[in-house]
Amino acid sequence: MPGSETLLPILLAALAYLLGSVPTAVLVCRSMGLADPRQLGSGNPGTTNVLRQGNRTAAVLTLLGDVAKGALAVRLALYADLGSIQTGLCALAVLLGHIYPLFGRMRGGKGVATTFGLCLALSPPLGLIALGVWLLLAAIGKTASLASVGTALITPLATFMLLPEQLAAISLICLLLVLRHRDNIRRLLGGQEHRL
C-alpha cells in the first residue's frame, strides 16, 4: 500500500503521544490510596511531588512508569525501522504527551523521567550519561530542579557526540524541559527552591 509508509510514522507518533499522556503519578497514587499529586505540593504529577507525600514506593513506581513510557515509544519506532527524523518525532511526541496529557486536561509533569527513558532507548550510553549528570548535580546541589535543568543543558552536547542524527529532536526536548522548569529557575535564583 503506497500510503502505508506515510501512515505508520503518523500512527506511531500518535501512539507515542497517547503513551505519554498516561498519568503515571495519578494512577499510582490512586491505586495506593494516596492523595492526587496534582492537588499537593507543586501540583506537578511527577516523581518528586509524589515523594513529598512520604511514600517512596509510590515515587519509585511513578519514576519507573514515566521512564517506561519514553522508552516504549522510542522502542516501537525503532522496531518499526522508522527513519531518524520520524523516530525523533516519536520521542518528541511522547514527551509532549507527558507534559500536555490528553488524559489530564493538558496538565502534566515536567518530563525529566520520560526524557531519560527515551534517551535510554535511543542510545543506552546517552541515557546513562544523562542519568549520571542528574545524579551528580543532585548530589552537589541537593535540588531536583537544578539537576534537571543542568542535565537538559548538557544532554544535547552528549547527543552531538553520540547520536548526532537525533541532535535536533533532543535539543528541542531539552528546551521544553528547561521551559517547564522556568518557575523552578526563578526560585533557584531567589534561593527559595525546595531541596531534596
Protein backbone atom coordinates (compact mmCIF):
# COMPACT_ATOMS: atom_id res chain seq x y z
CA MET A 1 0.00 0.00 0.00
CA PRO A 2 1.66 3.25 -1.14
CA GLY A 3 0.41 5.34 1.76
CA SER A 4 1.50 2.90 4.46
CA GLU A 5 5.00 4.36 4.64
CA THR A 6 3.47 7.73 5.50
CA LEU A 7 0.70 6.38 7.69
CA LEU A 8 2.86 4.26 10.01
CA PRO A 9 5.01 7.13 11.34
CA ILE A 10 1.87 9.20 11.96
CA LEU A 11 0.21 6.33 13.82
CA LEU A 12 3.30 5.68 15.92
CA ALA A 13 3.68 9.37 16.75
CA ALA A 14 0.03 9.46 17.82
CA LEU A 15 0.55 6.31 19.90
CA ALA A 16 3.65 7.88 21.46
CA TYR A 17 1.60 10.94 22.44
CA LEU A 18 -1.08 8.70 23.99
CA LEU A 19 1.57 6.74 25.90
CA GLY A 20 2.99 9.98 27.21
CA SER A 21 -0.49 11.07 28.27
CA VAL A 22 -0.88 8.14 30.67
CA PRO A 23 -0.83 9.88 34.11
CA THR A 24 1.52 7.52 35.90
CA ALA A 25 1.73 9.51 39.15
CA VAL A 26 -2.05 9.88 39.40
CA LEU A 27 -2.66 6.18 38.70
CA VAL A 28 -0.02 5.06 41.19
CA CYS A 29 -1.28 7.36 43.94
CA ARG A 30 -4.89 6.40 43.32
CA SER A 31 -4.10 2.68 43.42
CA MET A 32 -2.21 3.13 46.72
CA GLY A 33 -4.86 5.28 48.37
CA LEU A 34 -2.72 8.42 48.30
CA ALA A 35 -3.78 11.97 47.51
CA ASP A 36 -3.78 13.18 43.92
CA PRO A 37 -0.29 14.73 43.44
CA ARG A 38 -1.84 17.48 41.31
CA GLN A 39 -3.58 18.75 44.45
CA LEU A 40 -0.48 18.83 46.65
CA GLY A 41 2.91 20.50 46.85
CA SER A 42 3.98 21.84 43.48
CA GLY A 43 0.90 20.37 41.81
CA ASN A 44 3.20 18.50 39.46
CA PRO A 45 2.24 14.85 38.76
CA GLY A 46 5.79 13.58 38.88
CA THR A 47 8.21 11.57 40.99
CA THR A 48 9.46 14.41 43.21
CA ASN A 49 5.99 15.59 44.16
CA VAL A 50 4.86 12.03 44.86
CA LEU A 51 7.92 11.59 47.07
CA ARG A 52 6.83 14.63 49.07
CA GLN A 53 3.86 12.56 50.26
CA GLY A 54 6.39 10.41 52.09
CA ASN A 55 5.78 7.23 50.12
CA ARG A 56 8.99 6.06 48.48
CA THR A 57 7.36 3.04 46.86
CA ALA A 58 4.85 5.27 45.08
CA ALA A 59 7.66 7.59 43.98
CA VAL A 60 9.73 4.69 42.59
CA LEU A 61 6.73 3.27 40.73
CA THR A 62 5.99 6.71 39.28
CA LEU A 63 9.60 7.07 38.18
CA LEU A 64 9.67 3.64 36.54
CA GLY A 65 6.35 4.22 34.81
CA ASP A 66 7.40 7.57 33.38
CA VAL A 67 10.76 6.17 32.22
CA ALA A 68 8.98 3.21 30.62
CA LYS A 69 6.64 5.50 28.65
CA GLY A 70 9.54 7.27 26.99
CA ALA A 71 11.46 4.08 26.34
CA LEU A 72 8.49 2.19 24.91
CA ALA A 73 7.51 4.95 22.49
CA VAL A 74 11.03 5.08 21.05
CA ARG A 75 11.47 1.30 21.01
CA LEU A 76 8.29 0.96 18.95
CA ALA A 77 9.63 3.47 16.44
CA LEU A 78 12.97 1.66 16.25
CA TYR A 79 11.23 -1.71 15.93
CA ALA A 80 9.21 -0.32 13.02
CA ASP A 81 12.53 0.76 11.46
CA LEU A 82 11.46 4.38 11.10
CA GLY A 83 13.99 6.91 9.90
CA SER A 84 15.92 9.06 12.37
CA ILE A 85 13.66 12.10 11.86
CA GLN A 86 10.49 10.07 12.35
CA THR A 87 11.94 8.35 15.41
CA GLY A 88 12.89 11.74 16.81
CA LEU A 89 9.31 12.91 16.26
CA CYS A 90 8.02 9.92 18.23
CA ALA A 91 10.42 10.83 21.04
CA LEU A 92 9.13 14.40 20.98
CA ALA A 93 5.52 13.18 20.85
CA VAL A 94 5.83 11.04 23.99
CA LEU A 95 7.31 13.98 25.88
CA LEU A 96 4.56 16.30 24.68
CA GLY A 97 2.03 13.71 25.82
CA HIS A 98 3.59 13.68 29.28
CA ILE A 99 3.78 17.48 29.54
CA TYR A 100 0.40 18.17 27.92
CA PRO A 101 -1.56 14.96 28.51
CA LEU A 102 -4.80 14.25 26.72
CA PHE A 103 -6.00 12.40 29.82
CA GLY A 104 -5.03 15.15 32.26
CA ARG A 105 -6.57 18.31 30.81
CA MET A 106 -3.16 19.28 29.38
CA ARG A 107 -1.73 19.50 32.90
CA GLY A 108 1.19 17.13 33.03
CA GLY A 109 4.61 16.66 34.56
CA LYS A 110 7.98 18.24 33.88
CA GLY A 111 9.12 15.35 31.68
CA VAL A 112 12.51 14.53 33.19
CA ALA A 113 11.94 10.80 33.74
CA THR A 114 10.22 10.38 30.37
CA THR A 115 13.16 12.12 28.69
CA PHE A 116 15.57 9.78 30.44
CA GLY A 117 13.56 6.82 29.15
CA LEU A 118 13.51 7.99 25.56
CA CYS A 119 17.24 8.80 25.66
CA LEU A 120 17.97 5.36 27.07
CA ALA A 121 16.01 3.73 24.24
CA LEU A 122 17.66 5.87 21.56
CA SER A 123 21.14 5.19 22.91
CA PRO A 124 21.88 3.44 26.23
CA PRO A 125 25.17 5.38 26.65
CA LEU A 126 23.29 8.66 26.13
CA GLY A 127 20.69 7.67 28.71
CA LEU A 128 23.34 6.64 31.22
CA ILE A 129 25.22 9.92 30.72
CA ALA A 130 22.01 11.87 31.34
CA LEU A 131 21.35 9.82 34.48
CA GLY A 132 24.91 10.26 35.71
CA VAL A 133 24.81 14.02 35.19
CA TRP A 134 21.47 14.26 37.02
CA LEU A 135 22.72 12.23 39.98
CA LEU A 136 25.95 14.24 40.19
CA LEU A 137 24.17 17.60 40.09
CA ALA A 138 21.54 16.39 42.57
CA ALA A 139 24.28 15.26 44.97
CA ILE A 140 26.08 18.60 44.67
CA GLY A 141 23.11 20.96 44.70
CA LYS A 142 20.60 18.90 46.72
CA THR A 143 17.91 20.22 44.39
CA ALA A 144 15.98 18.15 41.83
CA SER A 145 15.18 21.10 39.59
CA LEU A 146 18.82 22.24 39.42
CA ALA A 147 19.85 18.70 38.47
CA SER A 148 17.10 18.54 35.84
CA VAL A 149 17.93 21.89 34.23
CA GLY A 150 21.65 21.15 34.26
CA THR A 151 21.06 17.77 32.65
CA ALA A 152 18.84 19.36 30.00
CA LEU A 153 21.65 21.76 29.14
CA ILE A 154 24.34 19.05 28.91
CA THR A 155 22.37 16.30 27.15
CA PRO A 156 22.38 17.97 23.70
CA LEU A 157 26.20 18.06 23.83
CA ALA A 158 26.30 14.34 24.64
CA THR A 159 23.80 13.74 21.82
CA PHE A 160 26.02 15.62 19.38
CA MET A 161 28.90 13.31 20.26
CA LEU A 162 26.98 10.02 20.44
CA LEU A 163 23.88 10.35 18.28
CA PRO A 164 24.18 13.42 16.03
CA GLU A 165 21.23 12.40 13.84
CA GLN A 166 18.96 13.00 16.87
CA LEU A 167 20.50 16.33 17.87
CA ALA A 168 17.57 18.43 16.64
CA ALA A 169 14.94 16.32 18.42
CA ILE A 170 16.88 16.04 21.68
CA SER A 171 17.71 19.76 21.66
CA LEU A 172 14.02 20.61 21.28
CA ILE A 173 13.09 18.13 24.01
CA CYS A 174 15.69 19.63 26.35
CA LEU A 175 14.48 23.15 25.56
CA LEU A 176 10.98 22.07 26.60
CA LEU A 177 12.39 20.70 29.85
CA VAL A 178 14.07 23.99 30.64
CA LEU A 179 10.89 25.93 29.83
CA ARG A 180 8.87 23.60 32.07
CA HIS A 181 11.27 24.46 34.90
CA ARG A 182 11.11 28.25 34.49
CA ASP A 183 9.30 28.72 37.83
CA ASN A 184 11.89 26.50 39.49
CA ILE A 185 14.67 28.55 37.92
CA ARG A 186 13.15 31.73 39.37
CA ARG A 187 13.01 30.12 42.81
CA LEU A 188 16.57 28.84 42.46
CA LEU A 189 17.80 32.33 41.65
CA GLY A 190 15.88 33.64 44.64
CA GLY A 191 17.19 30.91 46.95
CA GLN A 192 13.67 29.63 47.58
CA GLU A 193 13.66 26.30 45.76
CA HIS A 194 12.73 23.10 47.63
CA ARG A 195 15.70 20.90 48.44
CA LEU A 196 15.88 17.12 48.25
